[in-house]
N, C-alpha and C. Protein backbone atom coordinates (compact mmCIF):
# COMPACT_ATOMS: atom_id res chain seq x y z
N MET A 1 0.82 -1.20 0.00
CA MET A 1 0.00 0.00 0.00
C MET A 1 0.87 1.26 0.00
N ARG A 2 2.00 1.19 0.69
CA ARG A 2 2.90 2.34 0.77
C ARG A 2 3.48 2.69 -0.60
N ALA A 3 3.69 1.68 -1.45
CA ALA A 3 4.27 1.90 -2.77
C ALA A 3 3.32 2.69 -3.68
N ALA A 4 2.04 2.59 -3.46
CA ALA A 4 1.06 3.28 -4.31
C ALA A 4 0.87 4.74 -3.88
N ARG A 5 1.33 5.10 -2.69
CA ARG A 5 1.09 6.45 -2.19
C ARG A 5 1.71 7.55 -3.06
N PRO A 6 2.97 7.42 -3.53
CA PRO A 6 3.50 8.48 -4.41
C PRO A 6 2.69 8.64 -5.69
N LEU A 7 2.24 7.53 -6.26
CA LEU A 7 1.43 7.62 -7.47
C LEU A 7 0.11 8.33 -7.20
N VAL A 8 -0.54 7.99 -6.10
CA VAL A 8 -1.81 8.62 -5.75
C VAL A 8 -1.62 10.11 -5.47
N GLU A 9 -0.58 10.46 -4.71
CA GLU A 9 -0.31 11.88 -4.43
C GLU A 9 0.00 12.63 -5.72
N GLY A 10 0.77 12.00 -6.62
CA GLY A 10 1.09 12.63 -7.90
C GLY A 10 -0.15 12.86 -8.74
N LEU A 11 -1.05 11.88 -8.77
CA LEU A 11 -2.29 12.03 -9.55
C LEU A 11 -3.21 13.09 -8.94
N ILE A 12 -3.25 13.14 -7.62
CA ILE A 12 -4.06 14.18 -6.97
C ILE A 12 -3.53 15.56 -7.31
N TRP A 13 -2.19 15.74 -7.25
CA TRP A 13 -1.60 17.02 -7.60
C TRP A 13 -1.84 17.35 -9.07
N PHE A 14 -1.75 16.32 -9.95
CA PHE A 14 -2.02 16.53 -11.36
C PHE A 14 -3.46 17.01 -11.57
N ALA A 15 -4.39 16.42 -10.83
CA ALA A 15 -5.80 16.80 -10.97
C ALA A 15 -6.09 18.18 -10.39
N LEU A 16 -5.29 18.64 -9.43
CA LEU A 16 -5.54 19.92 -8.78
C LEU A 16 -4.76 21.09 -9.37
N ALA A 17 -3.62 20.83 -9.99
CA ALA A 17 -2.77 21.91 -10.48
C ALA A 17 -3.45 22.71 -11.60
N GLY A 18 -4.12 22.03 -12.51
CA GLY A 18 -4.83 22.72 -13.58
C GLY A 18 -5.91 23.65 -13.06
N PRO A 19 -6.79 23.13 -12.18
CA PRO A 19 -7.81 24.03 -11.60
C PRO A 19 -7.23 25.16 -10.76
N VAL A 20 -6.09 24.95 -10.09
CA VAL A 20 -5.47 26.03 -9.33
C VAL A 20 -5.09 27.17 -10.28
N PHE A 21 -4.50 26.82 -11.41
CA PHE A 21 -4.05 27.84 -12.36
C PHE A 21 -5.22 28.43 -13.14
N TRP A 22 -6.01 27.58 -13.79
CA TRP A 22 -7.07 28.07 -14.68
C TRP A 22 -8.33 28.50 -13.93
N GLY A 23 -8.48 28.07 -12.69
CA GLY A 23 -9.67 28.43 -11.91
C GLY A 23 -9.81 29.94 -11.71
N ILE A 24 -8.68 30.64 -11.64
CA ILE A 24 -8.72 32.09 -11.47
C ILE A 24 -9.33 32.74 -12.71
N ASP A 25 -8.95 32.26 -13.89
CA ASP A 25 -9.50 32.80 -15.13
C ASP A 25 -10.99 32.47 -15.26
N VAL A 26 -11.36 31.25 -14.89
CA VAL A 26 -12.78 30.86 -14.95
C VAL A 26 -13.59 31.69 -13.97
N PHE A 27 -13.08 31.90 -12.76
CA PHE A 27 -13.77 32.72 -11.77
C PHE A 27 -13.95 34.14 -12.30
N HIS A 28 -12.90 34.70 -12.88
CA HIS A 28 -12.98 36.05 -13.44
C HIS A 28 -14.04 36.10 -14.54
N ALA A 29 -14.06 35.10 -15.40
CA ALA A 29 -15.05 35.06 -16.49
C ALA A 29 -16.46 34.93 -15.93
N ALA A 30 -16.64 34.15 -14.87
CA ALA A 30 -17.97 33.96 -14.30
C ALA A 30 -18.48 35.22 -13.61
N VAL A 31 -17.58 35.94 -12.96
CA VAL A 31 -18.00 37.13 -12.20
C VAL A 31 -18.20 38.34 -13.11
N PHE A 32 -17.24 38.60 -13.99
CA PHE A 32 -17.29 39.83 -14.77
C PHE A 32 -17.95 39.69 -16.13
N ARG A 33 -17.89 38.53 -16.75
CA ARG A 33 -18.57 38.23 -18.02
C ARG A 33 -18.31 39.22 -19.13
N THR A 34 -17.21 39.88 -19.09
CA THR A 34 -16.86 40.81 -20.17
C THR A 34 -15.43 40.53 -20.61
N GLU A 35 -15.06 41.13 -21.71
CA GLU A 35 -13.67 41.02 -22.13
C GLU A 35 -12.80 41.78 -21.14
N THR A 36 -11.61 41.33 -20.95
CA THR A 36 -10.72 41.85 -19.93
C THR A 36 -9.90 43.01 -20.47
N SER A 37 -9.80 44.09 -19.69
CA SER A 37 -8.94 45.21 -20.08
C SER A 37 -7.48 44.81 -19.89
N SER A 38 -6.58 45.60 -20.46
CA SER A 38 -5.16 45.24 -20.40
C SER A 38 -4.61 45.28 -18.97
N GLY A 39 -5.05 46.24 -18.18
CA GLY A 39 -4.60 46.33 -16.79
C GLY A 39 -5.09 45.15 -15.97
N ALA A 40 -6.36 44.82 -16.14
CA ALA A 40 -6.91 43.68 -15.42
C ALA A 40 -6.28 42.38 -15.88
N LEU A 41 -5.92 42.32 -17.15
CA LEU A 41 -5.28 41.12 -17.70
C LEU A 41 -3.90 40.92 -17.08
N LEU A 42 -3.17 42.00 -16.85
CA LEU A 42 -1.86 41.89 -16.19
C LEU A 42 -2.00 41.39 -14.76
N ILE A 43 -2.99 41.91 -14.05
CA ILE A 43 -3.23 41.46 -12.68
C ILE A 43 -3.66 40.00 -12.66
N LEU A 44 -4.56 39.65 -13.57
CA LEU A 44 -5.03 38.28 -13.68
C LEU A 44 -3.88 37.33 -14.00
N SER A 45 -3.01 37.73 -14.92
CA SER A 45 -1.86 36.90 -15.29
C SER A 45 -0.92 36.71 -14.12
N ALA A 46 -0.67 37.78 -13.38
CA ALA A 46 0.22 37.67 -12.21
C ALA A 46 -0.38 36.76 -11.15
N LEU A 47 -1.69 36.88 -10.91
CA LEU A 47 -2.34 36.03 -9.92
C LEU A 47 -2.29 34.56 -10.33
N MET A 48 -2.52 34.29 -11.61
CA MET A 48 -2.50 32.91 -12.09
C MET A 48 -1.11 32.30 -11.94
N ALA A 49 -0.09 33.03 -12.36
CA ALA A 49 1.29 32.52 -12.26
C ALA A 49 1.71 32.35 -10.81
N ALA A 50 1.36 33.31 -9.96
CA ALA A 50 1.73 33.23 -8.55
C ALA A 50 1.02 32.06 -7.86
N ALA A 51 -0.23 31.82 -8.20
CA ALA A 51 -0.99 30.74 -7.57
C ALA A 51 -0.36 29.38 -7.86
N ILE A 52 -0.02 29.13 -9.12
CA ILE A 52 0.55 27.82 -9.45
C ILE A 52 1.96 27.70 -8.90
N TRP A 53 2.72 28.79 -8.88
CA TRP A 53 4.07 28.74 -8.34
C TRP A 53 4.05 28.43 -6.85
N LEU A 54 3.20 29.14 -6.11
CA LEU A 54 3.11 28.90 -4.66
C LEU A 54 2.61 27.49 -4.36
N ALA A 55 1.63 27.03 -5.12
CA ALA A 55 1.12 25.68 -4.91
C ALA A 55 2.19 24.63 -5.20
N ALA A 56 2.97 24.83 -6.26
CA ALA A 56 4.03 23.88 -6.60
C ALA A 56 5.13 23.87 -5.55
N VAL A 57 5.47 25.04 -5.02
CA VAL A 57 6.47 25.11 -3.95
C VAL A 57 5.95 24.38 -2.71
N TYR A 58 4.71 24.63 -2.36
CA TYR A 58 4.12 23.97 -1.19
C TYR A 58 4.13 22.45 -1.34
N VAL A 59 3.64 21.97 -2.47
CA VAL A 59 3.58 20.52 -2.70
C VAL A 59 4.99 19.93 -2.75
N GLY A 60 5.91 20.61 -3.43
CA GLY A 60 7.28 20.11 -3.53
C GLY A 60 7.96 20.02 -2.18
N VAL A 61 7.83 21.05 -1.36
CA VAL A 61 8.44 21.04 -0.03
C VAL A 61 7.78 19.97 0.83
N ARG A 62 6.48 19.84 0.72
CA ARG A 62 5.77 18.82 1.49
C ARG A 62 6.23 17.42 1.10
N TRP A 63 6.37 17.18 -0.20
CA TRP A 63 6.83 15.87 -0.66
C TRP A 63 8.25 15.61 -0.18
N ARG A 64 9.11 16.63 -0.22
CA ARG A 64 10.50 16.45 0.21
C ARG A 64 10.55 16.15 1.71
N GLN A 65 9.78 16.88 2.51
CA GLN A 65 9.81 16.67 3.96
C GLN A 65 9.27 15.30 4.34
N SER A 66 8.28 14.82 3.62
CA SER A 66 7.72 13.51 3.95
C SER A 66 8.52 12.37 3.33
N GLY A 67 9.46 12.70 2.45
CA GLY A 67 10.26 11.67 1.79
C GLY A 67 9.48 10.89 0.75
N LEU A 68 8.36 11.45 0.33
CA LEU A 68 7.47 10.75 -0.58
C LEU A 68 8.06 10.62 -1.98
N MET A 69 8.56 11.71 -2.51
CA MET A 69 9.21 11.71 -3.82
C MET A 69 10.04 12.98 -3.94
N PRO A 70 10.93 13.05 -4.92
CA PRO A 70 11.74 14.26 -5.07
C PRO A 70 10.87 15.50 -5.29
N ALA A 71 11.29 16.59 -4.71
CA ALA A 71 10.50 17.82 -4.78
C ALA A 71 10.40 18.36 -6.19
N GLY A 72 11.37 18.09 -7.05
CA GLY A 72 11.35 18.59 -8.42
C GLY A 72 10.24 18.01 -9.27
N VAL A 73 9.63 16.94 -8.80
CA VAL A 73 8.54 16.32 -9.55
C VAL A 73 7.29 17.20 -9.50
N ALA A 74 7.05 17.88 -8.40
CA ALA A 74 5.83 18.68 -8.22
C ALA A 74 5.69 19.79 -9.26
N PRO A 75 6.70 20.63 -9.49
CA PRO A 75 6.53 21.65 -10.52
C PRO A 75 6.36 21.07 -11.92
N PHE A 76 7.04 19.96 -12.18
CA PHE A 76 6.93 19.33 -13.50
C PHE A 76 5.52 18.77 -13.72
N VAL A 77 4.97 18.13 -12.71
CA VAL A 77 3.59 17.61 -12.82
C VAL A 77 2.60 18.77 -12.95
N GLY A 78 2.84 19.86 -12.22
CA GLY A 78 1.99 21.05 -12.35
C GLY A 78 2.05 21.64 -13.74
N LEU A 79 3.24 21.66 -14.33
CA LEU A 79 3.42 22.17 -15.69
C LEU A 79 2.62 21.34 -16.69
N ILE A 80 2.74 20.04 -16.59
CA ILE A 80 1.99 19.16 -17.50
C ILE A 80 0.48 19.36 -17.31
N SER A 81 0.07 19.51 -16.06
CA SER A 81 -1.35 19.67 -15.76
C SER A 81 -1.94 20.94 -16.36
N ILE A 82 -1.24 22.07 -16.24
CA ILE A 82 -1.82 23.31 -16.77
C ILE A 82 -1.90 23.27 -18.28
N TRP A 83 -0.99 22.56 -18.94
CA TRP A 83 -1.06 22.46 -20.39
C TRP A 83 -2.12 21.47 -20.84
N VAL A 84 -2.34 20.41 -20.07
CA VAL A 84 -3.36 19.42 -20.45
C VAL A 84 -4.76 19.95 -20.19
N PHE A 85 -4.98 20.57 -19.03
CA PHE A 85 -6.31 21.05 -18.68
C PHE A 85 -6.65 22.41 -19.27
N GLY A 86 -5.68 23.10 -19.85
CA GLY A 86 -5.87 24.47 -20.31
C GLY A 86 -6.99 24.65 -21.31
N GLY A 87 -7.02 23.83 -22.34
CA GLY A 87 -8.05 23.99 -23.38
C GLY A 87 -9.45 23.86 -22.83
N LEU A 88 -9.63 22.90 -21.94
CA LEU A 88 -10.96 22.68 -21.35
C LEU A 88 -11.40 23.88 -20.50
N TYR A 89 -10.51 24.36 -19.64
CA TYR A 89 -10.86 25.49 -18.78
C TYR A 89 -11.01 26.79 -19.57
N LEU A 90 -10.17 26.99 -20.57
CA LEU A 90 -10.29 28.20 -21.38
C LEU A 90 -11.58 28.21 -22.19
N ALA A 91 -11.97 27.06 -22.72
CA ALA A 91 -13.25 26.98 -23.44
C ALA A 91 -14.41 27.26 -22.50
N PHE A 92 -14.33 26.74 -21.30
CA PHE A 92 -15.37 26.98 -20.30
C PHE A 92 -15.44 28.46 -19.95
N ALA A 93 -14.29 29.10 -19.74
CA ALA A 93 -14.25 30.53 -19.41
C ALA A 93 -14.80 31.36 -20.57
N GLN A 94 -14.44 31.01 -21.79
CA GLN A 94 -14.93 31.77 -22.94
C GLN A 94 -16.43 31.62 -23.10
N ASN A 95 -16.94 30.43 -22.83
CA ASN A 95 -18.39 30.24 -22.90
C ASN A 95 -19.10 31.02 -21.81
N LEU A 96 -18.49 31.17 -20.65
CA LEU A 96 -19.09 32.01 -19.60
C LEU A 96 -19.11 33.47 -20.02
N ARG A 97 -18.04 33.93 -20.68
CA ARG A 97 -17.98 35.32 -21.12
C ARG A 97 -19.02 35.60 -22.20
N SER A 98 -19.29 34.62 -23.05
CA SER A 98 -20.23 34.86 -24.14
C SER A 98 -21.68 34.71 -23.69
N GLY A 99 -21.90 34.23 -22.48
CA GLY A 99 -23.25 34.14 -21.95
C GLY A 99 -23.93 32.82 -22.18
N THR A 100 -23.30 31.92 -22.90
CA THR A 100 -23.88 30.60 -23.12
C THR A 100 -22.84 29.55 -22.81
N PHE A 101 -23.32 28.40 -22.42
CA PHE A 101 -22.39 27.29 -22.23
C PHE A 101 -22.93 26.11 -23.01
N SER A 102 -22.25 25.79 -24.08
CA SER A 102 -22.66 24.61 -24.84
C SER A 102 -21.45 24.04 -25.54
N LEU A 103 -21.05 22.89 -25.11
CA LEU A 103 -20.05 22.13 -25.84
C LEU A 103 -20.85 21.04 -26.55
N ARG A 104 -21.36 21.38 -27.73
CA ARG A 104 -22.30 20.50 -28.42
C ARG A 104 -21.69 19.17 -28.83
N ASP A 105 -20.46 19.22 -29.26
CA ASP A 105 -19.86 18.04 -29.84
C ASP A 105 -18.94 17.37 -28.83
N VAL A 106 -19.16 16.10 -28.59
CA VAL A 106 -18.32 15.34 -27.66
C VAL A 106 -16.88 15.28 -28.17
N ASN A 107 -16.71 15.19 -29.48
CA ASN A 107 -15.37 15.17 -30.05
C ASN A 107 -14.62 16.46 -29.75
N MET A 108 -15.31 17.58 -29.76
CA MET A 108 -14.68 18.85 -29.44
C MET A 108 -14.19 18.85 -27.99
N THR A 109 -14.98 18.28 -27.09
CA THR A 109 -14.58 18.19 -25.69
C THR A 109 -13.32 17.35 -25.55
N LEU A 110 -13.21 16.29 -26.32
CA LEU A 110 -12.02 15.45 -26.27
C LEU A 110 -10.80 16.18 -26.83
N VAL A 111 -10.99 16.99 -27.85
CA VAL A 111 -9.89 17.74 -28.45
C VAL A 111 -9.37 18.80 -27.50
N LEU A 112 -10.22 19.31 -26.61
CA LEU A 112 -9.82 20.37 -25.69
C LEU A 112 -8.74 19.94 -24.71
N TRP A 113 -8.48 18.64 -24.62
CA TRP A 113 -7.44 18.15 -23.72
C TRP A 113 -6.05 18.24 -24.36
N ALA A 114 -5.95 18.65 -25.61
CA ALA A 114 -4.67 18.71 -26.30
C ALA A 114 -3.89 19.95 -25.88
N PRO A 115 -2.63 19.78 -25.47
CA PRO A 115 -1.82 20.94 -25.06
C PRO A 115 -1.64 21.98 -26.16
N ALA A 116 -1.58 21.57 -27.42
CA ALA A 116 -1.43 22.55 -28.51
C ALA A 116 -2.64 23.48 -28.57
N LEU A 117 -3.81 22.96 -28.27
CA LEU A 117 -5.01 23.77 -28.27
C LEU A 117 -4.99 24.78 -27.11
N THR A 118 -4.35 24.40 -26.01
CA THR A 118 -4.20 25.33 -24.89
C THR A 118 -3.47 26.58 -25.35
N PHE A 119 -2.41 26.40 -26.12
CA PHE A 119 -1.64 27.53 -26.63
C PHE A 119 -2.51 28.42 -27.52
N MET A 120 -3.27 27.81 -28.43
CA MET A 120 -4.09 28.59 -29.36
C MET A 120 -5.21 29.34 -28.64
N ILE A 121 -5.90 28.68 -27.72
CA ILE A 121 -7.01 29.33 -27.03
C ILE A 121 -6.50 30.40 -26.07
N ALA A 122 -5.34 30.16 -25.43
CA ALA A 122 -4.77 31.16 -24.52
C ALA A 122 -4.39 32.42 -25.29
N THR A 123 -3.98 32.27 -26.53
CA THR A 123 -3.67 33.43 -27.36
C THR A 123 -4.93 34.27 -27.57
N TYR A 124 -6.02 33.61 -27.86
CA TYR A 124 -7.29 34.30 -28.09
C TYR A 124 -7.84 34.88 -26.78
N ASP A 125 -7.70 34.11 -25.69
CA ASP A 125 -8.27 34.49 -24.40
C ASP A 125 -7.49 35.64 -23.74
N GLY A 126 -6.21 35.77 -24.05
CA GLY A 126 -5.40 36.81 -23.45
C GLY A 126 -4.57 36.32 -22.28
N THR A 127 -4.61 35.01 -22.00
CA THR A 127 -3.85 34.48 -20.88
C THR A 127 -2.56 33.80 -21.32
N LEU A 128 -2.16 34.03 -22.55
CA LEU A 128 -0.92 33.42 -23.05
C LEU A 128 0.28 33.89 -22.23
N GLY A 129 0.29 35.14 -21.85
CA GLY A 129 1.40 35.67 -21.05
C GLY A 129 1.54 34.92 -19.74
N SER A 130 0.43 34.73 -19.04
CA SER A 130 0.52 34.03 -17.75
C SER A 130 0.86 32.56 -17.95
N LEU A 131 0.39 31.96 -19.04
CA LEU A 131 0.73 30.57 -19.33
C LEU A 131 2.23 30.42 -19.57
N LEU A 132 2.81 31.32 -20.34
CA LEU A 132 4.24 31.24 -20.63
C LEU A 132 5.08 31.57 -19.39
N VAL A 133 4.67 32.60 -18.63
CA VAL A 133 5.40 32.94 -17.40
C VAL A 133 5.33 31.79 -16.41
N ALA A 134 4.15 31.22 -16.23
CA ALA A 134 4.01 30.09 -15.30
C ALA A 134 4.82 28.89 -15.78
N SER A 135 4.85 28.66 -17.09
CA SER A 135 5.63 27.53 -17.61
C SER A 135 7.11 27.72 -17.35
N VAL A 136 7.62 28.90 -17.62
CA VAL A 136 9.04 29.18 -17.37
C VAL A 136 9.34 29.07 -15.87
N CYS A 137 8.47 29.62 -15.04
CA CYS A 137 8.68 29.55 -13.59
C CYS A 137 8.69 28.11 -13.09
N LEU A 138 7.78 27.29 -13.60
CA LEU A 138 7.73 25.90 -13.16
C LEU A 138 8.93 25.11 -13.65
N ILE A 139 9.41 25.41 -14.85
CA ILE A 139 10.62 24.74 -15.35
C ILE A 139 11.82 25.13 -14.49
N LEU A 140 11.95 26.42 -14.19
CA LEU A 140 13.04 26.88 -13.34
C LEU A 140 12.93 26.29 -11.93
N LEU A 141 11.71 26.19 -11.43
CA LEU A 141 11.49 25.62 -10.10
C LEU A 141 11.85 24.14 -10.08
N THR A 142 11.60 23.44 -11.17
CA THR A 142 11.98 22.03 -11.27
C THR A 142 13.50 21.89 -11.11
N PHE A 143 14.25 22.76 -11.80
CA PHE A 143 15.70 22.70 -11.70
C PHE A 143 16.19 23.22 -10.35
N LYS A 144 15.49 24.17 -9.79
CA LYS A 144 15.86 24.70 -8.47
C LYS A 144 15.70 23.61 -7.41
N PHE A 145 14.66 22.80 -7.54
CA PHE A 145 14.43 21.72 -6.59
C PHE A 145 15.45 20.59 -6.77
N LYS A 146 16.18 20.59 -7.89
CA LYS A 146 17.22 19.57 -8.07
C LYS A 146 18.26 19.68 -6.97
N ASP A 147 18.64 20.89 -6.65
CA ASP A 147 19.51 21.08 -5.48
C ASP A 147 18.62 21.48 -4.31
N GLY A 148 17.55 20.74 -4.15
CA GLY A 148 16.47 21.08 -3.24
C GLY A 148 16.78 20.90 -1.78
N GLU A 149 17.82 20.14 -1.45
CA GLU A 149 18.11 19.99 -0.03
C GLU A 149 18.48 21.34 0.58
N ALA A 150 19.22 22.16 -0.17
CA ALA A 150 19.55 23.50 0.31
C ALA A 150 18.29 24.34 0.45
N LEU A 151 17.36 24.22 -0.53
CA LEU A 151 16.11 24.96 -0.46
C LEU A 151 15.26 24.49 0.71
N ALA A 152 15.21 23.18 0.94
CA ALA A 152 14.42 22.65 2.05
C ALA A 152 14.98 23.14 3.39
N LYS A 153 16.30 23.17 3.51
CA LYS A 153 16.91 23.68 4.74
C LYS A 153 16.58 25.16 4.92
N GLN A 154 16.62 25.92 3.83
CA GLN A 154 16.31 27.34 3.91
C GLN A 154 14.86 27.57 4.31
N VAL A 155 13.94 26.77 3.76
CA VAL A 155 12.52 26.91 4.12
C VAL A 155 12.31 26.54 5.57
N ARG A 156 12.94 25.46 6.02
CA ARG A 156 12.80 25.07 7.43
C ARG A 156 13.36 26.15 8.36
N ARG A 157 14.48 26.76 7.97
CA ARG A 157 15.07 27.83 8.77
C ARG A 157 14.11 29.02 8.84
N GLN A 158 13.52 29.38 7.70
CA GLN A 158 12.57 30.50 7.67
C GLN A 158 11.32 30.18 8.49
N MET A 159 10.85 28.93 8.40
CA MET A 159 9.67 28.54 9.17
C MET A 159 9.97 28.61 10.67
N ALA A 160 11.19 28.23 11.06
CA ALA A 160 11.58 28.29 12.46
C ALA A 160 11.63 29.74 12.95
N LYS A 161 12.00 30.64 12.07
CA LYS A 161 12.04 32.07 12.42
C LYS A 161 10.66 32.69 12.40
N GLY A 162 9.68 32.00 11.89
CA GLY A 162 8.33 32.57 11.78
C GLY A 162 8.18 33.46 10.57
N TRP A 163 9.00 33.23 9.53
CA TRP A 163 8.96 33.97 8.29
C TRP A 163 9.20 35.47 8.50
N GLY A 164 9.79 35.83 9.64
CA GLY A 164 10.13 37.23 9.88
C GLY A 164 8.93 38.09 10.24
N LEU A 165 7.80 37.48 10.50
CA LEU A 165 6.59 38.26 10.78
C LEU A 165 6.36 38.43 12.27
N SER A 166 7.12 37.71 13.11
CA SER A 166 6.84 37.74 14.55
C SER A 166 7.40 38.96 15.25
N ARG A 167 8.30 39.70 14.61
CA ARG A 167 8.90 40.86 15.28
C ARG A 167 8.05 42.07 15.17
């Protein structure tokens, strides 16, 4: 049973990383239902990239501390997840903005899982910047976690200090 735990944790993170990243765009589309201005798009992009980065750091550090799997796996799984789930979430957000939700064709729903379609729809949606920034950040975080023992020690040291907020 212990051998299956890393696989289960990895699949759970895979299932959650996409919604963590794209959920902000879907929420924005559901609440505002209009096209996004350039200023709001910059804020939205920063929030999306920061959310997935913080979540990947949290999961990676947690995995390293528990000895479950190498911490560098978390950002990589998150990267794959946002590219796989992107088309589906972007189509959903665009349908919310247009006021209707209808994915008439089942084949179209299956095509939305393609990472190449994520790139094309993000270009139209305006979230391409956050997708590329988040991708670069997650790739860099994967390599940063390679020498992750130093990072884990630094995080533990900061946690012991109370993140500098106690003074």
